Amino acid sequence: MPASLDASEWPSLSCLATTICEVKDRVRWRTPAWKPEYCERIGSAVLESAKRHDVPPALILAVMINESDMNEKAFRTTVKEGTVYAKDGGLMGIRCVVNKKGCCINGNVRGLAWKDVMDPVKNIDIGARELGHWRHGGGIKSVTVRTRDSKGVLRTRQRQVPCAHRTHAYWAHYNHGPRYIDHGPARHYPHRVAVLYYALSRAMNLDTTPITSIRLSVVDPGRRPRTADRPVEARYRKLCQAIRGIGPVCSERSTAQLKQDPASTNLAP
């Protein structure tokens, strides 16, 4: 189990709220900007959930950008046999397998109404809870073990053991579920989140060592390993460029200053 977070991974509320407002204004796509008061509300929710579930605030914000472009109203539906089977939505892209009454019947959201899942503060906490689960022992993998039966015959069988996240960052499971997918485009999910996590940490003057020390995903044969400081896909290059354009801000600006300086540049991905 990983150690608790170091103080160098925690921004102040003012720093986080300032960053949230700045980033929101650069990644939003045909959605309104957030007012400073709303950024403070989101920042408070991120910090409280981060402490509750022992996950880095910057990681929560990175997942938020990746899943919804910081659009609290974003959602999509999955239809099976002509009926809505599930909805994914909110800032953290939370999945709700819905019943006929519009309530979730899956995982940590079981029993919640869809409208409650879409509440921004609740949505952030659900997402942080998932990240905390994967960080602290969540995930499984199959290993082959050989044992002798009562007659001394050597038998081979598959055994499920906790995932040690040795080939990927633990937040890969936020997208993949209990088993990490080591093939196809999905294998790069941990890197996509990591480049946002890294850029945000730099913008907030936070320690980036915990990010750069993690093996993010399997290596593409014949290509340079994917690292947190080097976005690869066009979408993530553009997002990271937008984040880098705001910082470092936390040592110089506060949320209060945003009320006096509303000008910004929208670099929608």
Protein backbone atom coordinates (compact mmCIF):
# COMPACT_ATOMS: atom_id res chain seq x y z
CA MET A 1 0.00 0.00 0.00
CA PRO A 2 1.44 3.44 -0.93
CA ALA A 3 2.35 5.93 1.74
CA SER A 4 0.08 8.85 2.53
CA LEU A 5 0.57 11.93 0.41
CA ASP A 6 3.36 14.36 1.16
CA ALA A 7 2.63 18.02 1.91
CA SER A 8 4.37 18.95 -1.34
CA GLU A 9 1.46 17.38 -3.24
CA TRP A 10 -1.19 19.63 -1.66
CA PRO A 11 -2.03 23.05 -3.09
CA SER A 12 -3.80 25.69 -1.04
CA LEU A 13 -7.47 26.34 -1.77
CA SER A 14 -6.60 29.72 -3.27
CA CYS A 15 -3.97 28.15 -5.52
CA LEU A 16 -6.27 25.34 -6.63
CA ALA A 17 -9.27 27.60 -7.23
CA THR A 18 -7.14 30.01 -9.27
CA THR A 19 -5.79 27.14 -11.36
CA ILE A 20 -9.27 25.70 -11.88
CA CYS A 21 -10.61 29.02 -13.18
CA GLU A 22 -7.62 29.52 -15.46
CA VAL A 23 -7.69 25.99 -16.87
CA LYS A 24 -11.47 25.93 -17.28
CA ASP A 25 -11.31 29.05 -19.41
CA ARG A 26 -8.78 27.40 -21.70
CA VAL A 27 -10.22 23.91 -22.14
CA ARG A 28 -13.94 24.60 -22.20
CA TRP A 29 -15.65 23.85 -25.49
CA ARG A 30 -18.78 25.89 -26.17
CA THR A 31 -19.58 26.04 -22.46
CA PRO A 32 -19.63 29.09 -20.16
CA ALA A 33 -16.62 30.04 -18.08
CA TRP A 34 -16.85 29.50 -14.32
CA LYS A 35 -17.03 32.44 -11.95
CA PRO A 36 -14.37 32.62 -9.20
CA GLU A 37 -16.93 31.67 -6.55
CA TYR A 38 -17.79 28.49 -8.45
CA CYS A 39 -14.09 27.68 -8.89
CA GLU A 40 -13.70 27.94 -5.12
CA ARG A 41 -16.64 25.57 -4.65
CA ILE A 42 -15.07 23.04 -7.02
CA GLY A 43 -11.65 23.54 -5.44
CA SER A 44 -13.06 22.92 -1.96
CA ALA A 45 -14.78 19.76 -3.17
CA VAL A 46 -11.54 18.50 -4.74
CA LEU A 47 -9.48 19.15 -1.61
CA GLU A 48 -12.04 17.62 0.76
CA SER A 49 -12.44 14.51 -1.40
CA ALA A 50 -8.67 14.22 -1.88
CA LYS A 51 -8.14 14.21 1.88
CA ARG A 52 -11.02 11.81 2.49
CA HIS A 53 -9.77 9.24 -0.01
CA ASP A 54 -6.02 9.98 0.15
CA VAL A 55 -5.43 10.83 -3.50
CA PRO A 56 -3.57 13.83 -4.99
CA PRO A 57 -5.79 16.85 -5.73
CA ALA A 58 -3.94 17.47 -9.00
CA LEU A 59 -4.74 13.91 -10.11
CA ILE A 60 -8.45 14.45 -9.46
CA LEU A 61 -8.31 17.61 -11.56
CA ALA A 62 -6.41 15.76 -14.32
CA VAL A 63 -9.07 13.05 -14.48
CA MET A 64 -11.73 15.75 -14.54
CA ILE A 65 -10.14 17.39 -17.58
CA ASN A 66 -9.66 14.06 -19.32
CA GLU A 67 -13.19 12.80 -18.70
CA SER A 68 -15.29 15.91 -19.31
CA ASP A 69 -13.14 18.91 -20.33
CA MET A 70 -14.37 20.30 -16.99
CA ASN A 71 -17.97 20.34 -18.20
CA GLU A 72 -20.20 19.58 -15.22
CA LYS A 73 -23.15 18.87 -17.53
CA ALA A 74 -21.37 16.47 -19.88
CA PHE A 75 -22.92 13.01 -20.29
CA ARG A 76 -23.45 10.22 -22.78
CA THR A 77 -25.80 7.25 -22.82
CA THR A 78 -25.33 3.61 -23.70
CA VAL A 79 -28.34 1.94 -25.32
CA LYS A 80 -28.92 -1.81 -25.45
CA GLU A 81 -31.82 -3.35 -27.34
CA GLY A 82 -33.50 0.03 -27.68
CA THR A 83 -33.33 0.81 -23.94
CA VAL A 84 -30.98 3.12 -22.05
CA TYR A 85 -28.60 0.78 -20.24
CA ALA A 86 -26.14 3.21 -18.66
CA LYS A 87 -25.19 6.85 -18.42
CA ASP A 88 -21.71 8.29 -18.00
CA GLY A 89 -21.50 11.86 -16.90
CA GLY A 90 -20.47 14.74 -14.74
CA LEU A 91 -17.04 16.22 -14.18
CA MET A 92 -15.48 12.82 -13.42
CA GLY A 93 -17.31 10.80 -16.07
CA ILE A 94 -19.08 8.55 -13.55
CA ARG A 95 -20.91 5.50 -14.94
CA CYS A 96 -24.44 4.79 -13.71
CA VAL A 97 -26.17 1.61 -14.88
CA VAL A 98 -29.76 2.76 -14.53
CA ASN A 99 -32.95 0.92 -13.67
CA LYS A 100 -36.45 1.93 -14.73
CA LYS A 101 -36.65 4.39 -11.84
CA GLY A 102 -33.55 6.25 -12.93
CA CYS A 103 -31.41 4.94 -10.08
CA CYS A 104 -27.95 3.40 -10.33
CA ILE A 105 -27.53 -0.30 -9.68
CA ASN A 106 -23.75 -0.63 -10.03
CA GLY A 107 -20.70 -0.34 -7.79
CA ASN A 108 -20.20 2.62 -5.48
CA VAL A 109 -23.13 4.52 -6.99
CA ARG A 110 -25.65 1.77 -6.26
CA GLY A 111 -28.87 3.30 -4.95
CA LEU A 112 -28.08 6.84 -6.07
CA ALA A 113 -30.37 8.73 -8.40
CA TRP A 114 -28.80 9.85 -11.67
CA LYS A 115 -29.48 13.49 -10.79
CA ASP A 116 -27.45 13.04 -7.59
CA VAL A 117 -24.56 11.51 -9.51
CA MET A 118 -24.55 14.62 -11.71
CA ASP A 119 -24.22 16.97 -8.72
CA PRO A 120 -20.68 18.39 -9.17
CA VAL A 121 -19.57 17.99 -5.55
CA LYS A 122 -20.98 14.47 -5.29
CA ASN A 123 -19.55 13.57 -8.69
CA ILE A 124 -16.07 14.67 -7.62
CA ASP A 125 -16.26 12.63 -4.43
CA ILE A 126 -17.40 9.49 -6.27
CA GLY A 127 -14.48 9.85 -8.67
CA ALA A 128 -11.99 10.45 -5.84
CA ARG A 129 -13.33 7.41 -4.05
CA GLU A 130 -12.67 5.29 -7.13
CA LEU A 131 -9.13 6.63 -7.44
CA GLY A 132 -8.52 5.94 -3.76
CA HIS A 133 -9.78 2.38 -4.17
CA TRP A 134 -7.32 1.68 -6.97
CA ARG A 135 -4.48 3.44 -5.17
CA HIS A 136 -4.93 1.45 -2.00
CA GLY A 137 -5.03 -2.18 -3.07
CA GLY A 138 -7.69 -2.18 -5.76
CA GLY A 139 -7.27 -4.11 -8.98
CA ILE A 140 -6.50 -7.76 -9.64
CA LYS A 141 -4.34 -9.79 -11.98
CA SER A 142 -4.01 -13.46 -12.84
CA VAL A 143 -0.84 -15.40 -12.04
CA THR A 144 0.05 -18.99 -12.82
CA VAL A 145 0.87 -21.12 -9.78
CA ARG A 146 2.02 -24.73 -9.61
CA THR A 147 1.09 -26.90 -6.65
CA ARG A 148 1.06 -30.62 -5.90
CA ASP A 149 -2.21 -32.36 -5.15
CA SER A 150 -2.75 -35.02 -2.49
CA LYS A 151 -1.20 -37.63 -4.79
CA GLY A 152 1.93 -35.58 -5.42
CA VAL A 153 0.96 -34.68 -8.98
CA LEU A 154 2.06 -31.21 -10.03
CA ARG A 155 -0.93 -29.12 -11.08
CA THR A 156 -1.04 -25.73 -12.78
CA ARG A 157 -3.81 -23.26 -12.08
CA GLN A 158 -4.62 -19.57 -12.34
CA ARG A 159 -4.84 -17.50 -9.18
CA GLN A 160 -6.22 -13.98 -8.70
CA VAL A 161 -3.92 -11.67 -6.73
CA PRO A 162 -3.96 -7.92 -5.98
CA CYS A 163 -2.56 -5.80 -8.82
CA ALA A 164 0.80 -4.26 -7.92
CA HIS A 165 0.56 -1.71 -10.80
CA ARG A 166 4.11 -2.55 -11.93
CA THR A 167 3.47 -1.95 -15.63
CA HIS A 168 1.07 0.96 -15.33
CA ALA A 169 -0.06 3.79 -13.09
CA TYR A 170 -2.76 2.87 -10.57
CA TRP A 171 -5.19 5.36 -12.12
CA ALA A 172 -5.34 3.16 -15.22
CA HIS A 173 -8.00 1.17 -13.37
CA TYR A 174 -10.25 4.23 -13.25
CA ASN A 175 -10.88 3.54 -16.92
CA HIS A 176 -10.09 -0.17 -17.19
CA GLY A 177 -11.71 -1.56 -14.05
CA PRO A 178 -10.11 -4.34 -11.96
CA ARG A 179 -7.88 -5.62 -14.77
CA TYR A 180 -5.39 -3.41 -16.61
CA ILE A 181 -5.72 -3.62 -20.41
CA ASP A 182 -2.20 -3.96 -21.83
CA HIS A 183 -3.11 -3.91 -25.52
CA GLY A 184 -4.83 -1.56 -27.95
CA PRO A 185 -5.31 2.19 -27.50
CA ALA A 186 -6.72 1.71 -23.99
CA ARG A 187 -3.28 0.81 -22.64
CA HIS A 188 -2.24 4.45 -22.95
CA TYR A 189 -4.99 5.81 -20.68
CA PRO A 190 -2.59 6.14 -17.70
CA HIS A 191 -0.17 8.20 -19.80
CA ARG A 192 -2.91 10.51 -21.06
CA VAL A 193 -3.96 11.32 -17.51
CA ALA A 194 -0.34 11.55 -16.36
CA VAL A 195 0.61 14.32 -18.78
CA LEU A 196 -2.31 16.40 -17.51
CA TYR A 197 -1.43 15.54 -13.89
CA TYR A 198 2.18 16.57 -14.50
CA ALA A 199 1.29 19.84 -16.25
CA LEU A 200 -1.15 20.78 -13.49
CA SER A 201 1.39 19.99 -10.78
CA ARG A 202 3.95 22.19 -12.49
CA ALA A 203 1.43 25.01 -12.82
CA MET A 204 0.68 24.81 -9.08
CA ASN A 205 4.34 24.49 -8.05
CA LEU A 206 3.78 20.99 -6.66
CA ASP A 207 6.21 18.10 -6.45
CA THR A 208 6.21 16.06 -9.67
CA THR A 209 8.45 13.25 -8.40
CA PRO A 210 5.51 10.93 -7.57
CA ILE A 211 4.42 11.18 -11.21
CA THR A 212 7.76 10.81 -12.96
CA SER A 213 8.73 7.82 -10.79
CA ILE A 214 5.75 5.72 -11.97
CA ARG A 215 5.88 3.43 -15.00
CA LEU A 216 2.90 4.73 -16.91
CA SER A 217 2.09 2.06 -19.48
CA VAL A 218 3.60 -0.55 -21.77
CA VAL A 219 6.16 0.76 -24.25
CA ASP A 220 5.39 1.02 -27.95
CA PRO A 221 7.88 -1.27 -29.74
CA GLY A 222 10.67 0.73 -31.34
CA ARG A 223 9.50 4.03 -29.90
CA ARG A 224 10.53 6.30 -27.07
CA PRO A 225 8.87 5.42 -23.76
CA ARG A 226 5.91 7.58 -22.85
CA THR A 227 6.76 9.85 -19.93
CA ALA A 228 4.64 12.27 -17.93
CA ASP A 229 6.48 15.33 -19.25
CA ARG A 230 5.87 14.47 -22.92
CA PRO A 231 2.30 14.38 -24.29
CA VAL A 232 2.01 12.34 -27.49
CA GLU A 233 -1.50 12.58 -28.96
CA ALA A 234 -2.60 15.90 -30.47
CA ARG A 235 -5.44 16.37 -27.96
CA TYR A 236 -3.08 16.05 -25.01
CA ARG A 237 -0.38 18.23 -26.55
CA LYS A 238 -2.99 20.95 -26.92
CA LEU A 239 -4.39 20.49 -23.40
CA CYS A 240 -0.94 20.54 -21.83
CA GLN A 241 -0.01 23.61 -23.85
CA ALA A 242 -3.09 25.34 -22.46
CA ILE A 243 -2.20 24.34 -18.89
CA ARG A 244 1.42 25.43 -19.28
CA GLY A 245 0.15 28.79 -20.49
CA ILE A 246 -1.30 29.63 -17.08
CA GLY A 247 1.57 28.91 -14.78
CA PRO A 248 3.20 28.91 -12.50
CA VAL A 249 0.46 31.06 -10.98
CA CYS A 250 0.06 30.04 -7.36
CA SER A 251 2.91 32.03 -5.90
CA GLU A 252 1.77 35.23 -7.58
CA ARG A 253 -2.00 35.28 -8.05
CA SER A 254 -5.07 34.53 -5.99
CA THR A 255 -8.68 33.82 -6.84
CA ALA A 256 -9.57 37.34 -5.74
CA GLN A 257 -7.42 38.75 -8.53
CA LEU A 258 -9.48 36.89 -11.11
CA LYS A 259 -12.46 39.05 -10.20
CA GLN A 260 -10.44 42.10 -11.23
CA ASP A 261 -8.84 40.48 -14.32
CA PRO A 262 -11.42 38.40 -16.19
CA ALA A 263 -9.53 38.45 -19.50
CA SER A 264 -8.36 35.07 -20.74
CA THR A 265 -7.72 33.03 -23.88
CA ASN A 266 -9.93 30.09 -24.86
CA LEU A 267 -7.82 27.27 -26.36
CA ALA A 268 -10.60 24.71 -26.65
CA PRO A 269 -9.32 21.20 -27.49
